[in-house]
Amino acid sequence: QVQVVESGGGLVQPGKSLRLSCAASGQIFGLREMNWFRQAPEMQRELVASIDTHGRIKYGDFVKGRFTISRDGAKNLIFLQMDSLVPEDTGIYYCNFKSMSNDAWGQGTQVTVSS
């Protein structure tokens, strides 16, 4: 069974930065991609950033160059560097590891952007 744990959320002022981390443990066979999603109150969950095992990266349209996803493949770690945060970035951020045999999600980490 794969376990996914996020960390690094918190309360920050607009314009500031946060760095989220995500670690996956357990047996992961045929890893395909690693993703960050977010969900704001009363909104649908949306893709923030995605990186696959070939290093191909996608971002949600709202990112507009402010966020950077990266990975440490040897350790099944991914990161999300978030700069120039705005109140609309507030939400629960979820990490997701997709493999041939599993679609594992973390419990989420709260990000609040407020003055």
N, C-alpha and C. Protein backbone atom coordinates (compact mmCIF):
# COMPACT_ATOMS: atom_id res chain seq x y z
N GLN A 1 0.84 -1.19 0.00
CA GLN A 1 0.00 0.00 0.00
C GLN A 1 0.88 1.24 0.00
N VAL A 2 0.50 2.23 -0.78
CA VAL A 2 1.27 3.47 -0.90
C VAL A 2 0.69 4.51 0.05
N GLN A 3 1.57 5.16 0.78
CA GLN A 3 1.15 6.26 1.65
C GLN A 3 1.77 7.55 1.15
N VAL A 4 0.98 8.60 1.16
CA VAL A 4 1.41 9.90 0.67
C VAL A 4 1.17 10.93 1.77
N VAL A 5 2.18 11.71 2.07
CA VAL A 5 2.08 12.70 3.15
C VAL A 5 2.58 14.05 2.66
N GLU A 6 1.73 15.07 2.78
CA GLU A 6 2.12 16.42 2.41
C GLU A 6 2.56 17.20 3.66
N SER A 7 3.38 18.22 3.44
CA SER A 7 3.77 19.12 4.51
C SER A 7 4.12 20.48 3.92
N GLY A 8 4.18 21.48 4.79
CA GLY A 8 4.63 22.79 4.37
C GLY A 8 3.56 23.85 4.23
N GLY A 9 2.31 23.49 4.45
CA GLY A 9 1.26 24.49 4.35
C GLY A 9 1.31 25.46 5.53
N GLY A 10 0.47 26.48 5.45
CA GLY A 10 0.42 27.45 6.54
C GLY A 10 -0.27 28.71 6.12
N LEU A 11 -0.15 29.72 6.97
CA LEU A 11 -0.74 31.03 6.73
C LEU A 11 0.36 31.99 6.28
N VAL A 12 0.14 32.62 5.14
CA VAL A 12 1.11 33.59 4.64
C VAL A 12 0.39 34.83 4.13
N GLN A 13 1.11 35.92 4.07
CA GLN A 13 0.56 37.16 3.55
C GLN A 13 0.62 37.17 2.02
N PRO A 14 -0.26 37.91 1.39
CA PRO A 14 -0.19 38.03 -0.07
C PRO A 14 1.18 38.51 -0.52
N GLY A 15 1.66 37.92 -1.61
CA GLY A 15 2.97 38.26 -2.14
C GLY A 15 4.11 37.42 -1.62
N LYS A 16 3.84 36.67 -0.55
CA LYS A 16 4.88 35.83 0.03
C LYS A 16 4.93 34.47 -0.63
N SER A 17 5.81 33.61 -0.12
CA SER A 17 6.06 32.29 -0.72
C SER A 17 5.85 31.18 0.30
N LEU A 18 5.57 30.01 -0.24
CA LEU A 18 5.53 28.77 0.54
C LEU A 18 6.11 27.65 -0.30
N ARG A 19 6.67 26.68 0.37
CA ARG A 19 7.19 25.49 -0.31
C ARG A 19 6.53 24.27 0.30
N LEU A 20 5.79 23.55 -0.52
CA LEU A 20 5.14 22.32 -0.09
C LEU A 20 6.01 21.13 -0.45
N SER A 21 5.96 20.13 0.40
CA SER A 21 6.68 18.89 0.15
C SER A 21 5.70 17.73 0.23
N CYS A 22 6.06 16.66 -0.47
CA CYS A 22 5.21 15.46 -0.46
C CYS A 22 6.11 14.24 -0.57
N ALA A 23 5.88 13.30 0.32
CA ALA A 23 6.66 12.07 0.32
C ALA A 23 5.74 10.88 0.15
N ALA A 24 6.13 9.96 -0.71
CA ALA A 24 5.38 8.72 -0.91
C ALA A 24 6.22 7.56 -0.41
N SER A 25 5.57 6.64 0.28
CA SER A 25 6.27 5.45 0.77
C SER A 25 5.44 4.23 0.45
N GLY A 26 6.11 3.07 0.49
CA GLY A 26 5.43 1.83 0.16
C GLY A 26 5.84 1.35 -1.22
N GLN A 27 5.19 0.31 -1.68
CA GLN A 27 5.52 -0.30 -2.96
C GLN A 27 4.83 0.46 -4.09
N ILE A 28 5.62 1.10 -4.92
CA ILE A 28 5.10 1.84 -6.07
C ILE A 28 5.62 1.17 -7.33
N PHE A 29 4.71 0.56 -8.08
CA PHE A 29 5.09 -0.12 -9.31
C PHE A 29 4.62 0.67 -10.51
N GLY A 30 5.52 0.91 -11.43
CA GLY A 30 5.14 1.60 -12.66
C GLY A 30 4.69 3.03 -12.43
N LEU A 31 5.46 3.77 -11.67
CA LEU A 31 5.11 5.18 -11.40
C LEU A 31 4.99 5.93 -12.73
N ARG A 32 3.94 6.72 -12.86
CA ARG A 32 3.72 7.47 -14.10
C ARG A 32 3.84 8.97 -13.90
N GLU A 33 3.12 9.48 -12.93
CA GLU A 33 3.17 10.93 -12.74
C GLU A 33 2.86 11.29 -11.30
N MET A 34 3.28 12.49 -10.95
CA MET A 34 3.07 13.01 -9.60
C MET A 34 2.44 14.39 -9.74
N ASN A 35 1.43 14.63 -8.94
CA ASN A 35 0.61 15.82 -9.13
C ASN A 35 0.36 16.56 -7.83
N TRP A 36 0.13 17.84 -7.98
CA TRP A 36 -0.43 18.67 -6.91
C TRP A 36 -1.80 19.16 -7.39
N PHE A 37 -2.79 18.94 -6.55
CA PHE A 37 -4.13 19.46 -6.77
C PHE A 37 -4.46 20.40 -5.62
N ARG A 38 -5.48 21.20 -5.80
CA ARG A 38 -5.96 22.02 -4.70
C ARG A 38 -7.48 22.10 -4.76
N GLN A 39 -8.04 22.39 -3.60
CA GLN A 39 -9.49 22.55 -3.52
C GLN A 39 -9.81 23.69 -2.56
N ALA A 40 -10.46 24.70 -3.09
CA ALA A 40 -10.91 25.82 -2.28
C ALA A 40 -12.31 25.49 -1.75
N PRO A 41 -12.74 26.17 -0.70
CA PRO A 41 -14.08 25.92 -0.15
C PRO A 41 -15.15 26.07 -1.22
N GLU A 42 -16.03 25.08 -1.30
CA GLU A 42 -17.17 25.08 -2.22
C GLU A 42 -16.74 25.09 -3.69
N MET A 43 -15.51 24.68 -3.96
CA MET A 43 -15.02 24.62 -5.33
C MET A 43 -14.60 23.19 -5.65
N GLN A 44 -14.51 22.88 -6.94
CA GLN A 44 -14.02 21.57 -7.34
C GLN A 44 -12.50 21.50 -7.20
N ARG A 45 -12.02 20.31 -7.01
CA ARG A 45 -10.58 20.10 -6.96
C ARG A 45 -10.01 20.37 -8.34
N GLU A 46 -8.87 21.07 -8.38
CA GLU A 46 -8.25 21.40 -9.66
C GLU A 46 -6.76 21.10 -9.65
N LEU A 47 -6.25 20.83 -10.86
CA LEU A 47 -4.84 20.52 -10.99
C LEU A 47 -4.02 21.80 -10.84
N VAL A 48 -3.00 21.73 -9.99
CA VAL A 48 -2.07 22.84 -9.84
C VAL A 48 -0.84 22.60 -10.71
N ALA A 49 -0.24 21.42 -10.56
CA ALA A 49 0.98 21.11 -11.31
C ALA A 49 1.14 19.61 -11.40
N SER A 50 1.81 19.18 -12.46
CA SER A 50 2.03 17.76 -12.70
C SER A 50 3.42 17.56 -13.27
N ILE A 51 4.08 16.49 -12.83
CA ILE A 51 5.37 16.12 -13.40
C ILE A 51 5.38 14.63 -13.60
N ASP A 52 5.81 14.18 -14.79
CA ASP A 52 5.84 12.73 -15.01
C ASP A 52 7.26 12.21 -14.88
N THR A 53 7.41 10.92 -15.05
CA THR A 53 8.72 10.31 -14.81
C THR A 53 9.74 10.67 -15.88
N HIS A 54 9.29 11.30 -16.96
CA HIS A 54 10.21 11.80 -17.99
C HIS A 54 10.57 13.28 -17.76
N GLY A 55 10.01 13.84 -16.70
CA GLY A 55 10.29 15.23 -16.41
C GLY A 55 9.39 16.23 -17.10
N ARG A 56 8.37 15.74 -17.78
CA ARG A 56 7.44 16.65 -18.46
C ARG A 56 6.52 17.28 -17.41
N ILE A 57 6.31 18.57 -17.54
CA ILE A 57 5.61 19.35 -16.52
C ILE A 57 4.42 20.08 -17.12
N LYS A 58 3.35 20.11 -16.37
CA LYS A 58 2.16 20.90 -16.73
C LYS A 58 1.73 21.71 -15.51
N TYR A 59 1.16 22.87 -15.79
CA TYR A 59 0.62 23.72 -14.73
C TYR A 59 -0.80 24.14 -15.06
N GLY A 60 -1.57 24.39 -14.00
CA GLY A 60 -2.88 24.98 -14.21
C GLY A 60 -2.74 26.38 -14.78
N ASP A 61 -3.72 26.81 -15.54
CA ASP A 61 -3.65 28.12 -16.19
C ASP A 61 -3.46 29.25 -15.18
N PHE A 62 -3.99 29.09 -14.00
CA PHE A 62 -3.94 30.16 -13.00
C PHE A 62 -2.54 30.34 -12.40
N VAL A 63 -1.65 29.38 -12.64
CA VAL A 63 -0.31 29.46 -12.04
C VAL A 63 0.47 30.65 -12.60
N LYS A 64 0.43 30.82 -13.91
CA LYS A 64 1.03 31.99 -14.56
C LYS A 64 2.47 32.25 -14.12
N GLY A 65 3.28 31.18 -14.06
CA GLY A 65 4.69 31.33 -13.78
C GLY A 65 5.04 31.53 -12.31
N ARG A 66 4.08 31.44 -11.42
CA ARG A 66 4.34 31.71 -10.02
C ARG A 66 4.80 30.48 -9.24
N PHE A 67 4.43 29.29 -9.71
CA PHE A 67 4.72 28.05 -8.99
C PHE A 67 5.72 27.21 -9.79
N THR A 68 6.48 26.39 -9.05
CA THR A 68 7.42 25.48 -9.69
C THR A 68 7.32 24.11 -9.02
N ILE A 69 7.07 23.10 -9.81
CA ILE A 69 7.05 21.73 -9.30
C ILE A 69 8.39 21.08 -9.58
N SER A 70 8.86 20.28 -8.64
CA SER A 70 10.10 19.55 -8.84
C SER A 70 10.01 18.22 -8.10
N ARG A 71 10.97 17.35 -8.40
CA ARG A 71 10.93 16.03 -7.78
C ARG A 71 12.32 15.53 -7.47
N ASP A 72 12.37 14.67 -6.46
CA ASP A 72 13.56 13.88 -6.18
C ASP A 72 13.14 12.44 -6.42
N GLY A 73 13.36 11.96 -7.63
CA GLY A 73 12.85 10.66 -8.02
C GLY A 73 13.38 9.51 -7.20
N ALA A 74 14.63 9.64 -6.77
CA ALA A 74 15.23 8.55 -6.01
C ALA A 74 14.55 8.34 -4.67
N LYS A 75 13.92 9.39 -4.18
CA LYS A 75 13.31 9.32 -2.85
C LYS A 75 11.79 9.44 -2.90
N ASN A 76 11.19 9.43 -4.08
CA ASN A 76 9.74 9.61 -4.21
C ASN A 76 9.25 10.83 -3.46
N LEU A 77 9.95 11.93 -3.70
CA LEU A 77 9.58 13.22 -3.12
C LEU A 77 9.23 14.19 -4.23
N ILE A 78 8.20 14.98 -4.00
CA ILE A 78 7.95 16.09 -4.91
C ILE A 78 7.75 17.36 -4.09
N PHE A 79 7.96 18.48 -4.75
CA PHE A 79 7.89 19.77 -4.09
C PHE A 79 7.07 20.73 -4.95
N LEU A 80 6.50 21.71 -4.28
CA LEU A 80 5.81 22.78 -4.99
C LEU A 80 6.25 24.10 -4.37
N GLN A 81 7.06 24.83 -5.12
CA GLN A 81 7.48 26.15 -4.69
C GLN A 81 6.44 27.15 -5.19
N MET A 82 5.82 27.86 -4.27
CA MET A 82 4.76 28.80 -4.63
C MET A 82 5.20 30.22 -4.25
N ASP A 83 5.33 31.06 -5.24
CA ASP A 83 5.74 32.45 -5.05
C ASP A 83 4.59 33.39 -5.43
N SER A 84 4.71 34.63 -4.99
CA SER A 84 3.71 35.65 -5.32
C SER A 84 2.29 35.16 -5.03
N LEU A 85 2.11 34.61 -3.86
CA LEU A 85 0.81 34.05 -3.51
C LEU A 85 -0.25 35.14 -3.39
N VAL A 86 -1.46 34.78 -3.78
CA VAL A 86 -2.60 35.69 -3.70
C VAL A 86 -3.71 35.00 -2.90
N PRO A 87 -4.66 35.76 -2.37
CA PRO A 87 -5.73 35.15 -1.57
C PRO A 87 -6.47 34.02 -2.29
N GLU A 88 -6.57 34.12 -3.62
CA GLU A 88 -7.27 33.09 -4.38
C GLU A 88 -6.53 31.74 -4.39
N ASP A 89 -5.30 31.74 -3.92
CA ASP A 89 -4.55 30.48 -3.82
C ASP A 89 -4.91 29.71 -2.54
N THR A 90 -5.72 30.28 -1.71
CA THR A 90 -6.14 29.62 -0.48
C THR A 90 -6.90 28.34 -0.78
N GLY A 91 -6.56 27.29 -0.05
CA GLY A 91 -7.25 26.02 -0.21
C GLY A 91 -6.45 24.89 0.41
N ILE A 92 -6.97 23.69 0.25
CA ILE A 92 -6.24 22.50 0.69
C ILE A 92 -5.49 21.96 -0.51
N TYR A 93 -4.22 21.74 -0.33
CA TYR A 93 -3.36 21.25 -1.41
C TYR A 93 -3.09 19.76 -1.19
N TYR A 94 -3.38 19.00 -2.22
CA TYR A 94 -3.25 17.55 -2.16
C TYR A 94 -2.15 17.06 -3.10
N CYS A 95 -1.44 16.08 -2.63
CA CYS A 95 -0.42 15.42 -3.44
C CYS A 95 -0.98 14.10 -3.95
N ASN A 96 -0.61 13.74 -5.16
CA ASN A 96 -1.14 12.53 -5.79
C ASN A 96 -0.03 11.83 -6.57
N PHE A 97 0.15 10.54 -6.29
CA PHE A 97 1.09 9.71 -7.03
C PHE A 97 0.29 8.70 -7.84
N LYS A 98 0.43 8.76 -9.17
CA LYS A 98 -0.27 7.82 -10.04
C LYS A 98 0.72 6.80 -10.59
N SER A 99 0.37 5.53 -10.46
CA SER A 99 1.22 4.48 -11.00
C SER A 99 0.34 3.49 -11.75
N MET A 100 0.98 2.48 -12.32
CA MET A 100 0.23 1.47 -13.05
C MET A 100 -0.76 0.75 -12.14
N SER A 101 -0.41 0.64 -10.87
CA SER A 101 -1.21 -0.17 -9.96
C SER A 101 -1.92 0.61 -8.88
N ASN A 102 -1.70 1.91 -8.83
CA ASN A 102 -2.21 2.65 -7.68
C ASN A 102 -2.42 4.12 -8.02
N ASP A 103 -3.39 4.69 -7.33
CA ASP A 103 -3.64 6.13 -7.46
C ASP A 103 -3.74 6.64 -6.03
N ALA A 104 -2.61 7.07 -5.48
CA ALA A 104 -2.52 7.38 -4.06
C ALA A 104 -2.61 8.88 -3.80
N TRP A 105 -3.37 9.21 -2.76
CA TRP A 105 -3.57 10.61 -2.38
C TRP A 105 -3.19 10.84 -0.93
N GLY A 106 -2.68 12.03 -0.67
CA GLY A 106 -2.44 12.42 0.70
C GLY A 106 -3.68 13.03 1.32
N GLN A 107 -3.57 13.38 2.60
CA GLN A 107 -4.69 13.98 3.33
C GLN A 107 -4.82 15.47 3.05
N GLY A 108 -3.80 16.07 2.49
CA GLY A 108 -3.85 17.49 2.16
C GLY A 108 -3.19 18.35 3.21
N THR A 109 -2.76 19.52 2.77
CA THR A 109 -2.18 20.50 3.66
C THR A 109 -2.83 21.86 3.36
N GLN A 110 -3.23 22.55 4.41
CA GLN A 110 -3.96 23.81 4.24
C GLN A 110 -3.01 24.95 3.92
N VAL A 111 -3.34 25.70 2.89
CA VAL A 111 -2.63 26.93 2.54
C VAL A 111 -3.63 28.08 2.65
N THR A 112 -3.29 29.07 3.45
CA THR A 112 -4.14 30.24 3.60
C THR A 112 -3.32 31.48 3.30
N VAL A 113 -3.81 32.26 2.35
CA VAL A 113 -3.13 33.50 1.96
C VAL A 113 -4.02 34.66 2.38
N SER A 114 -3.57 35.39 3.37
CA SER A 114 -4.39 36.45 3.92
C SER A 114 -3.52 37.47 4.63
N SER A 115 -3.95 38.72 4.56
CA SER A 115 -3.23 39.76 5.30
C SER A 115 -3.79 39.91 6.70
